C-alpha atoms as a PDB file:
ATOM      1  CA  MET A   1      -0.210  -5.767   2.497  1.00  0.00           C
ATOM      2  CA  THR A   2      -3.843  -5.118   1.832  1.00  0.00           C
ATOM      3  CA  ILE A   3      -4.969  -3.223  -1.345  1.00  0.00           C
ATOM      4  CA  ALA A   4      -8.403  -2.532  -1.253  1.00  0.00           C
ATOM      5  CA  THR A   5     -10.257  -2.320  -4.650  1.00  0.00           C
ATOM      6  CA  THR A   6     -13.689  -2.878  -6.045  1.00  0.00           C
ATOM      7  CA  ARG A   7     -12.242  -2.976  -9.653  1.00  0.00           C
ATOM      8  CA  THR A   8     -12.347  -6.304 -11.350  1.00  0.00           C
ATOM      9  CA  GLY A   9      -9.185  -7.925 -13.348  1.00  0.00           C
ATOM     10  CA  ARG A  10     -10.694  -6.993 -16.940  1.00  0.00           C
ATOM     11  CA  GLN A  11     -11.746  -3.567 -16.323  1.00  0.00           C
ATOM     12  CA  ARG A  12      -9.684  -0.909 -18.000  1.00  0.00           C
ATOM     13  CA  LEU A  13      -7.573   0.753 -15.793  1.00  0.00           C
ATOM     14  CA  THR A  14      -7.541   4.814 -15.832  1.00  0.00           C
ATOM     15  CA  PRO A  15      -4.237   7.051 -15.176  1.00  0.00           C
ATOM     16  CA  VAL A  16      -5.594   7.949 -11.697  1.00  0.00           C
ATOM     17  CA  ALA A  17      -6.629   4.378 -11.156  1.00  0.00           C
ATOM     18  CA  VAL A  18      -2.633   3.646 -11.830  1.00  0.00           C
ATOM     19  CA  LEU A  19      -1.578   6.935  -9.702  1.00  0.00           C
ATOM     20  CA  ARG A  20      -3.497   5.474  -6.837  1.00  0.00           C
ATOM     21  CA  ASP A  21      -2.227   1.948  -6.918  1.00  0.00           C
ATOM     22  CA  SER A  22       1.325   3.396  -7.262  1.00  0.00           C
ATOM     23  CA  GLN A  23       0.587   5.789  -3.960  1.00  0.00           C
ATOM     24  CA  VAL A  24      -0.444   2.155  -2.393  1.00  0.00           C
ATOM     25  CA  LEU A  25       2.705   0.312  -3.066  1.00  0.00           C
ATOM     26  CA  VAL A  26       4.596   3.348  -2.589  1.00  0.00           C
ATOM     27  CA  ALA A  27       3.392   3.415   1.174  1.00  0.00           C
ATOM     28  CA  ARG A  28       4.123  -0.202   1.569  1.00  0.00           C
ATOM     29  CA  GLN A  29       7.662   0.444   0.278  1.00  0.00           C
ATOM     30  CA  LEU A  30       8.429   2.801   2.681  1.00  0.00           C
ATOM     31  CA  ARG A  31       6.793   1.179   5.719  1.00  0.00           C
ATOM     32  CA  LYS A  32       8.610  -2.192   4.503  1.00  0.00           C
ATOM     33  CA  THR A  33      11.977  -0.030   4.402  1.00  0.00           C
ATOM     34  CA  LEU A  34      11.360   1.615   7.886  1.00  0.00           C
ATOM     35  CA  ARG A  35      11.466  -1.442   9.485  1.00  0.00           C
ATOM     36  CA  ARG A  36      14.818  -2.459   8.682  1.00  0.00           C
ATOM     37  CA  PRO A  37      16.609   0.344  10.479  1.00  0.00           C
ATOM     38  CA  THR A  38      20.334  -1.340   9.924  1.00  0.00           C
ATOM     39  CA  TYR A  39      19.670  -0.915   6.448  1.00  0.00           C
ATOM     40  CA  ILE A  40      18.586   2.446   6.731  1.00  0.00           C
ATOM     41  CA  VAL A  41      21.995   3.126   9.163  1.00  0.00           C
ATOM     42  CA  PHE A  42      24.459   1.337   6.314  1.00  0.00           C
ATOM     43  CA  SER A  43      22.681   2.760   3.485  1.00  0.00           C
ATOM     44  CA  PHE A  44      24.398   6.067   4.579  1.00  0.00           C
ATOM     45  CA  VAL A  45      27.751   4.919   5.687  1.00  0.00           C
ATOM     46  CA  GLN A  46      28.959   4.079   2.601  1.00  0.00           C
ATOM     47  CA  PRO A  47      28.669   7.425   0.699  1.00  0.00           C
ATOM     48  CA  VAL A  48      30.055   9.056   4.141  1.00  0.00           C
ATOM     49  CA  ILE A  49      32.953   6.957   3.446  1.00  0.00           C
ATOM     50  CA  PHE A  50      33.500   7.954   0.223  1.00  0.00           C
ATOM     51  CA  VAL A  51      33.109  11.630   1.487  1.00  0.00           C
ATOM     52  CA  LEU A  52      36.095  10.911   4.167  1.00  0.00           C
ATOM     53  CA  LEU A  53      38.433   8.691   1.900  1.00  0.00           C
ATOM     54  CA  PHE A  54      38.368  11.448  -1.127  1.00  0.00           C
ATOM     55  CA  ARG A  55      38.224  14.346   1.308  1.00  0.00           C
ATOM     56  CA  TYR A  56      41.236  13.463   3.668  1.00  0.00           C
ATOM     57  CA  ILE A  57      43.279  10.866   1.633  1.00  0.00           C
ATOM     58  CA  PHE A  58      43.002  11.569  -2.234  1.00  0.00           C
ATOM     59  CA  GLY A  59      42.010  14.915  -1.547  1.00  0.00           C
ATOM     60  CA  GLY A  60      46.088  16.358  -1.560  1.00  0.00           C
ATOM     61  CA  ALA A  61      46.943  14.731  -4.569  1.00  0.00           C
ATOM     62  CA  ILE A  62      44.105  15.988  -7.044  1.00  0.00           C
ATOM     63  CA  ASP A  63      44.455  19.424  -8.691  1.00  0.00           C
ATOM     64  CA  THR A  64      41.294  21.049  -9.276  1.00  0.00           C
ATOM     65  CA  GLY A  65      42.584  24.726  -9.766  1.00  0.00           C
ATOM     66  CA  GLU A  66      41.334  27.394  -8.115  1.00  0.00           C
ATOM     67  CA  THR A  67      37.960  25.706  -6.908  1.00  0.00           C
ATOM     68  CA  ALA A  68      38.587  23.970  -3.264  1.00  0.00           C
ATOM     69  CA  TYR A  69      38.855  19.962  -4.174  1.00  0.00           C
ATOM     70  CA  VAL A  70      36.018  19.679  -1.410  1.00  0.00           C
ATOM     71  CA  ASN A  71      34.009  21.546  -3.291  1.00  0.00           C
ATOM     72  CA  TYR A  72      34.770  19.893  -6.777  1.00  0.00           C
ATOM     73  CA  LEU A  73      33.785  16.275  -4.824  1.00  0.00           C
ATOM     74  CA  MET A  74      30.873  17.069  -3.034  1.00  0.00           C
ATOM     75  CA  PRO A  75      28.404  17.260  -6.269  1.00  0.00           C
ATOM     76  CA  GLY A  76      30.413  14.461  -7.721  1.00  0.00           C
ATOM     77  CA  ILE A  77      29.682  12.162  -4.498  1.00  0.00           C
ATOM     78  CA  ILE A  78      26.004  13.399  -4.162  1.00  0.00           C
ATOM     79  CA  VAL A  79      25.438  12.415  -7.666  1.00  0.00           C
ATOM     80  CA  GLN A  80      27.212   9.046  -6.886  1.00  0.00           C
ATOM     81  CA  THR A  81      24.896   8.569  -4.027  1.00  0.00           C
ATOM     82  CA  ALA A  82      22.058   9.071  -6.235  1.00  0.00           C
ATOM     83  CA  ILE A  83      23.323   6.382  -8.375  1.00  0.00           C
ATOM     84  CA  PHE A  84      23.769   3.828  -5.554  1.00  0.00           C
ATOM     85  CA  GLY A  85      20.706   4.405  -4.143  1.00  0.00           C
ATOM     86  CA  ALA A  86      18.888   3.958  -7.860  1.00  0.00           C
ATOM     87  CA  LEU A  87      20.401   0.352  -7.902  1.00  0.00           C
ATOM     88  CA  VAL A  88      18.152  -0.848  -4.844  1.00  0.00           C
ATOM     89  CA  THR A  89      15.422  -1.118  -7.067  1.00  0.00           C
ATOM     90  CA  GLY A  90      16.784  -3.568  -9.416  1.00  0.00           C
ATOM     91  CA  LEU A  91      18.201  -5.569  -6.099  1.00  0.00           C
ATOM     92  CA  GLY A  92      14.565  -4.934  -4.344  1.00  0.00           C
ATOM     93  CA  LEU A  93      12.198  -6.066  -7.546  1.00  0.00           C
ATOM     94  CA  THR A  94      14.585  -9.415  -7.628  1.00  0.00           C
ATOM     95  CA  GLU A  95      13.985  -9.913  -3.959  1.00  0.00           C
ATOM     96  CA  ASP A  96      10.176  -9.351  -4.136  1.00  0.00           C
ATOM     97  CA  LEU A  97      10.233 -12.052  -7.355  1.00  0.00           C
ATOM     98  CA  GLY A  98      11.830 -14.743  -5.615  1.00  0.00           C
ATOM     99  CA  SER A  99       9.583 -14.362  -2.269  1.00  0.00           C
ATOM    100  CA  GLY A 100       6.455 -14.522  -4.222  1.00  0.00           C
ATOM    101  CA  VAL A 101       5.501 -10.923  -3.765  1.00  0.00           C
ATOM    102  CA  VAL A 102       5.349 -10.196  -7.225  1.00  0.00           C
ATOM    103  CA  ASP A 103       3.010 -13.084  -8.060  1.00  0.00           C
ATOM    104  CA  ARG A 104       0.742 -11.899  -5.317  1.00  0.00           C
ATOM    105  CA  LEU A 105       0.532  -8.249  -6.799  1.00  0.00           C
ATOM    106  CA  ARG A 106       0.033 -10.000 -10.347  1.00  0.00           C
ATOM    107  CA  SER A 107      -3.394 -11.427  -8.668  1.00  0.00           C
ATOM    108  CA  LEU A 108      -4.600  -8.193  -7.818  1.00  0.00           C
ATOM    109  CA  PRO A 109      -6.902  -6.051 -10.152  1.00  0.00           C
ATOM    110  CA  ILE A 110      -4.107  -3.316 -10.148  1.00  0.00           C
ATOM    111  CA  ALA A 111      -1.997  -2.355 -13.606  1.00  0.00           C
ATOM    112  CA  ARG A 112       1.515  -3.980 -13.694  1.00  0.00           C
ATOM    113  CA  SER A 113       2.911  -0.549 -14.252  1.00  0.00           C
ATOM    114  CA  ALA A 114       1.868   0.896 -10.574  1.00  0.00           C
ATOM    115  CA  VAL A 115       4.068  -2.263  -9.224  1.00  0.00           C
ATOM    116  CA  LEU A 116       7.213  -0.787 -10.673  1.00  0.00           C
ATOM    117  CA  LEU A 117       6.070   3.029 -10.605  1.00  0.00           C
ATOM    118  CA  GLY A 118       5.482   2.401  -6.870  1.00  0.00           C
ATOM    119  CA  ARG A 119       8.595   1.230  -6.502  1.00  0.00           C
ATOM    120  CA  THR A 120      10.826   3.824  -8.357  1.00  0.00           C
ATOM    121  CA  VAL A 121       8.962   6.419  -6.536  1.00  0.00           C
ATOM    122  CA  ALA A 122       9.509   4.905  -3.202  1.00  0.00           C
ATOM    123  CA  ASP A 123      13.215   4.723  -3.409  1.00  0.00           C
ATOM    124  CA  LEU A 124      13.264   8.049  -4.738  1.00  0.00           C
ATOM    125  CA  VAL A 125      11.559   9.164  -1.575  1.00  0.00           C
ATOM    126  CA  ILE A 126      14.371   7.313   0.266  1.00  0.00           C
ATOM    127  CA  ASN A 127      16.943   8.951  -1.791  1.00  0.00           C
ATOM    128  CA  VAL A 128      15.377  12.443  -1.163  1.00  0.00           C
ATOM    129  CA  PHE A 129      16.463  11.784   2.972  1.00  0.00           C
ATOM    130  CA  THR A 130      19.912  10.255   1.611  1.00  0.00           C
ATOM    131  CA  LEU A 131      20.617  13.358  -0.093  1.00  0.00           C
ATOM    132  CA  LEU A 132      20.461  15.809   2.553  1.00  0.00           C
ATOM    133  CA  VAL A 133      21.938  14.079   4.953  1.00  0.00           C
ATOM    134  CA  MET A 134      25.070  13.733   2.528  1.00  0.00           C
ATOM    135  CA  THR A 135      24.968  17.759   1.926  1.00  0.00           C
ATOM    136  CA  VAL A 136      25.070  17.953   5.805  1.00  0.00           C
ATOM    137  CA  VAL A 137      27.991  15.989   5.707  1.00  0.00           C
ATOM    138  CA  GLY A 138      29.705  17.694   2.721  1.00  0.00           C
ATOM    139  CA  LEU A 139      29.093  21.286   4.697  1.00  0.00           C
ATOM    140  CA  LEU A 140      30.850  19.424   8.109  1.00  0.00           C
ATOM    141  CA  VAL A 141      33.758  18.480   6.068  1.00  0.00           C
ATOM    142  CA  GLY A 142      34.391  22.053   4.031  1.00  0.00           C
ATOM    143  CA  PHE A 143      31.569  21.826   1.403  1.00  0.00           C
ATOM    144  CA  ARG A 144      30.365  25.704   0.934  1.00  0.00           C
ATOM    145  CA  PRO A 145      28.544  26.291  -2.325  1.00  0.00           C
ATOM    146  CA  GLY A 146      28.143  29.886  -3.300  1.00  0.00           C
ATOM    147  CA  ARG A 147      24.954  30.152  -5.109  1.00  0.00           C
ATOM    148  CA  PRO A 148      21.551  31.065  -4.544  1.00  0.00           C
ATOM    149  CA  ILE A 149      19.231  29.177  -2.673  1.00  0.00           C
ATOM    150  CA  TRP A 150      16.812  28.568  -5.352  1.00  0.00           C
ATOM    151  CA  SER A 151      20.232  27.687  -7.715  1.00  0.00           C
ATOM    152  CA  LEU A 152      21.143  25.110  -5.082  1.00  0.00           C
ATOM    153  CA  ALA A 153      17.089  23.963  -5.086  1.00  0.00           C
ATOM    154  CA  ALA A 154      17.536  23.449  -8.628  1.00  0.00           C
ATOM    155  CA  ALA A 155      20.452  21.118  -8.601  1.00  0.00           C
ATOM    156  CA  PHE A 156      18.783  18.816  -5.790  1.00  0.00           C
ATOM    157  CA  LEU A 157      15.929  18.269  -8.181  1.00  0.00           C
ATOM    158  CA  LEU A 158      18.500  18.083 -10.915  1.00  0.00           C
ATOM    159  CA  VAL A 159      19.919  15.161  -8.959  1.00  0.00           C
ATOM    160  CA  LEU A 160      16.694  13.428  -7.572  1.00  0.00           C
ATOM    161  CA  ALA A 161      15.311  13.339 -11.452  1.00  0.00           C
ATOM    162  CA  PHE A 162      19.082  11.713 -12.493  1.00  0.00           C
ATOM    163  CA  SER A 163      18.093   8.959  -9.253  1.00  0.00           C
ATOM    164  CA  PHE A 164      14.560   8.520 -10.680  1.00  0.00           C
ATOM    165  CA  VAL A 165      15.901   7.806 -14.340  1.00  0.00           C
ATOM    166  CA  PHE A 166      18.538   5.281 -12.893  1.00  0.00           C
ATOM    167  CA  SER A 167      16.011   3.536 -10.593  1.00  0.00           C
ATOM    168  CA  TRP A 168      14.325   2.575 -13.956  1.00  0.00           C
ATOM    169  CA  ILE A 169      17.812   1.244 -15.427  1.00  0.00           C
ATOM    170  CA  SER A 170      18.069  -0.790 -12.764  1.00  0.00           C
ATOM    171  CA  ALA A 171      14.948  -2.211 -12.498  1.00  0.00           C
ATOM    172  CA  TRP A 172      15.158  -3.195 -15.959  1.00  0.00           C
ATOM    173  CA  ILE A 173      18.308  -5.453 -15.042  1.00  0.00           C
ATOM    174  CA  GLY A 174      17.125  -6.797 -11.852  1.00  0.00           C
ATOM    175  CA  LEU A 175      14.075  -7.946 -13.626  1.00  0.00           C
ATOM    176  CA  SER A 176      16.054  -9.585 -16.420  1.00  0.00           C
ATOM    177  CA  VAL A 177      18.857 -11.389 -14.431  1.00  0.00           C
ATOM    178  CA  ARG A 178      16.358 -11.902 -11.560  1.00  0.00           C
ATOM    179  CA  ASN A 179      18.480 -13.122  -8.908  1.00  0.00           C
ATOM    180  CA  PRO A 180      19.617 -10.739  -6.154  1.00  0.00           C
ATOM    181  CA  GLU A 181      23.410 -11.691  -6.246  1.00  0.00           C
ATOM    182  CA  THR A 182      23.610 -11.546  -9.981  1.00  0.00           C
ATOM    183  CA  ALA A 183      21.692  -8.328  -9.689  1.00  0.00           C
ATOM    184  CA  GLN A 184      23.921  -6.775  -7.173  1.00  0.00           C
ATOM    185  CA  SER A 185      27.141  -7.652  -9.529  1.00  0.00           C
ATOM    186  CA  ALA A 186      25.639  -6.578 -12.633  1.00  0.00           C
ATOM    187  CA  GLY A 187      24.474  -2.923 -11.155  1.00  0.00           C
ATOM    188  CA  PHE A 188      28.236  -2.406  -9.722  1.00  0.00           C
ATOM    189  CA  ILE A 189      29.404  -3.644 -13.179  1.00  0.00           C
ATOM    190  CA  TRP A 190      28.173  -1.321 -15.140  1.00  0.00           C
ATOM    191  CA  VAL A 191      27.865   1.802 -12.221  1.00  0.00           C
ATOM    192  CA  PHE A 192      32.125   1.799 -11.640  1.00  0.00           C
ATOM    193  CA  PRO A 193      32.720   2.852 -15.059  1.00  0.00           C
ATOM    194  CA  LEU A 194      30.026   5.527 -15.239  1.00  0.00           C
ATOM    195  CA  THR A 195      31.064   7.034 -12.174  1.00  0.00           C
ATOM    196  CA  PHE A 196      34.892   6.940 -11.841  1.00  0.00           C
ATOM    197  CA  ALA A 197      35.336   7.476 -15.791  1.00  0.00           C
ATOM    198  CA  SER A 198      33.507  10.972 -15.657  1.00  0.00           C
ATOM    199  CA  SER A 199      34.090  14.170 -13.760  1.00  0.00           C
ATOM    200  CA  ALA A 200      32.787  12.941 -10.609  1.00  0.00           C
ATOM    201  CA  PHE A 201      36.020  12.969  -8.683  1.00  0.00           C
ATOM    202  CA  VAL A 202      38.595  14.209 -10.940  1.00  0.00           C
ATOM    203  CA  PRO A 203      39.003  16.539 -13.812  1.00  0.00           C
ATOM    204  CA  ILE A 204      38.656  14.553 -17.001  1.00  0.00           C
ATOM    205  CA  ASP A 205      41.307  16.818 -18.710  1.00  0.00           C
ATOM    206  CA  GLY A 206      43.703  14.292 -17.375  1.00  0.00           C
ATOM    207  CA  MET A 207      42.727  11.354 -18.974  1.00  0.00           C
ATOM    208  CA  PRO A 208      44.021   9.417 -21.536  1.00  0.00           C
ATOM    209  CA  GLY A 209      42.195   9.839 -24.896  1.00  0.00           C
ATOM    210  CA  PRO A 210      39.959   7.241 -24.943  1.00  0.00           C
ATOM    211  CA  VAL A 211      38.694   7.556 -21.609  1.00  0.00           C
ATOM    212  CA  ARG A 212      38.154  11.396 -21.885  1.00  0.00           C
ATOM    213  CA  ALA A 213      36.422  11.015 -24.980  1.00  0.00           C
ATOM    214  CA  PHE A 214      34.080   8.596 -22.759  1.00  0.00           C
ATOM    215  CA  ALA A 215      34.273  10.535 -19.940  1.00  0.00           C
ATOM    216  CA  GLU A 216      33.328  13.617 -21.958  1.00  0.00           C
ATOM    217  CA  HIS A 217      29.846  11.856 -23.316  1.00  0.00           C
ATOM    218  CA  ASN A 218      29.022  10.121 -20.113  1.00  0.00           C
ATOM    219  CA  PRO A 219      25.630  11.198 -18.698  1.00  0.00           C
ATOM    220  CA  VAL A 220      27.293  11.174 -15.482  1.00  0.00           C
ATOM    221  CA  THR A 221      30.029  13.613 -16.386  1.00  0.00           C
ATOM    222  CA  LEU A 222      27.121  15.997 -17.770  1.00  0.00           C
ATOM    223  CA  VAL A 223      25.173  15.986 -14.778  1.00  0.00           C
ATOM    224  CA  VAL A 224      27.911  16.472 -11.979  1.00  0.00           C
ATOM    225  CA  ASP A 225      28.716  19.000 -14.022  1.00  0.00           C
ATOM    226  CA  ALA A 226      25.451  20.951 -14.135  1.00  0.00           C
ATOM    227  CA  VAL A 227      24.835  20.625 -10.325  1.00  0.00           C
ATOM    228  CA  ARG A 228      28.874  21.689 -10.142  1.00  0.00           C
ATOM    229  CA  GLY A 229      27.532  24.958 -11.739  1.00  0.00           C
ATOM    230  CA  LEU A 230      24.444  25.312  -9.893  1.00  0.00           C
ATOM    231  CA  THR A 231      25.754  25.172  -6.472  1.00  0.00           C
ATOM    232  CA  LEU A 232      29.527  26.840  -7.247  1.00  0.00           C
ATOM    233  CA  GLY A 233      28.595  28.732 -10.367  1.00  0.00           C
ATOM    234  CA  GLU A 234      31.402  27.179 -12.452  1.00  0.00           C
ATOM    235  CA  PRO A 235      31.043  26.360 -16.467  1.00  0.00           C
ATOM    236  CA  ALA A 236      28.345  23.977 -16.962  1.00  0.00           C
ATOM    237  CA  PRO A 237      26.476  22.011 -19.683  1.00  0.00           C
ATOM    238  CA  ALA A 238      23.149  23.883 -20.042  1.00  0.00           C
ATOM    239  CA  VAL A 239      20.272  22.170 -17.390  1.00  0.00           C
ATOM    240  CA  SER A 240      18.137  21.708 -20.726  1.00  0.00           C
ATOM    241  CA  ARG A 241      20.768  19.169 -22.537  1.00  0.00           C
ATOM    242  CA  VAL A 242      20.817  17.099 -19.538  1.00  0.00           C
ATOM    243  CA  LEU A 243      16.966  16.898 -19.238  1.00  0.00           C
ATOM    244  CA  ILE A 244      17.027  15.734 -22.577  1.00  0.00           C
ATOM    245  CA  TRP A 245      19.163  13.009 -21.926  1.00  0.00           C
ATOM    246  CA  LEU A 246      17.407  12.129 -18.926  1.00  0.00           C
ATOM    247  CA  ALA A 247      13.757  12.252 -20.993  1.00  0.00           C
ATOM    248  CA  ALA A 248      15.350  10.137 -23.474  1.00  0.00           C
ATOM    249  CA  LEU A 249      16.624   7.313 -21.408  1.00  0.00           C
ATOM    250  CA  LEU A 250      13.388   7.410 -19.489  1.00  0.00           C
ATOM    251  CA  LEU A 251      12.113   6.740 -22.821  1.00  0.00           C
ATOM    252  CA  VAL A 252      14.088   3.949 -23.676  1.00  0.00           C
ATOM    253  CA  PHE A 253      14.030   1.937 -20.033  1.00  0.00           C
ATOM    254  CA  VAL A 254      10.424   2.153 -18.891  1.00  0.00           C
ATOM    255  CA  PRO A 255       9.101   0.256 -21.478  1.00  0.00           C
ATOM    256  CA  LEU A 256      12.315  -2.260 -21.287  1.00  0.00           C
ATOM    257  CA  ALA A 257      11.203  -2.833 -17.743  1.00  0.00           C
ATOM    258  CA  VAL A 258       8.014  -2.830 -18.032  1.00  0.00           C
ATOM    259  CA  ARG A 259       8.162  -5.719 -20.168  1.00  0.00           C
ATOM    260  CA  ALA A 260      10.762  -7.549 -18.671  1.00  0.00           C
ATOM    261  CA  PHE A 261       8.413  -7.527 -15.751  1.00  0.00           C
ATOM    262  CA  ARG A 262       5.859  -8.969 -17.276  1.00  0.00           C
ATOM    263  CA  ARG A 263       7.926 -11.711 -18.848  1.00  0.00           C
ATOM    264  CA  ALA A 264       9.519 -12.385 -15.191  1.00  0.00           C
END
């Protein structure tokens, strides 16, 4: 990996320079991913299994009223896929720490924030293709969105914004634990309650009181319901409310991730 630069290590970095450094690191991460075709294949297998499992095994036992279960399911699966894609950020950063890549980057006259920004943006780009594949899979199993194309595009962008935010959360967790195995376990520990105690797979009306209260205020529920509204026209929270949630999470976890990176 080569980052060409004429800046000295002590020179103040401008926002343009940070973006330029981040662009180089995004390209580096994408090249690294493309050299691992097995990883690319298996990154699609898990969400496809979830689609088939819920669509054809559990779907017949879940009552979603007048909405066909496949239409109810796919927004939840797509959001879940975005979360799982975000988990890769923390895991990848711990691998870079262990292999010495981070130390090499620190020896270069680049912004430390560019390392994190480059990684999160690269994972966002990969998530774009993953979500496109999941949308095609959904259409093949019967998913039929009934909203205009602009509404569907807004839903897609909302999911990507959600994925980007959760990449920063994952980065903070990974840099805090600093170990790939621990990062993977810690990631699933907080992701599974968020996804399954939400409206992603089943209506929250039938949940026990405390679980339902958690699900109602779960950011995953807000995003899933907003995506359902944009794709199916069902009642949903205002997109502005979801964006405020995501902005608040970014304001919290971006500084935490940068701080953890400096300490790692």
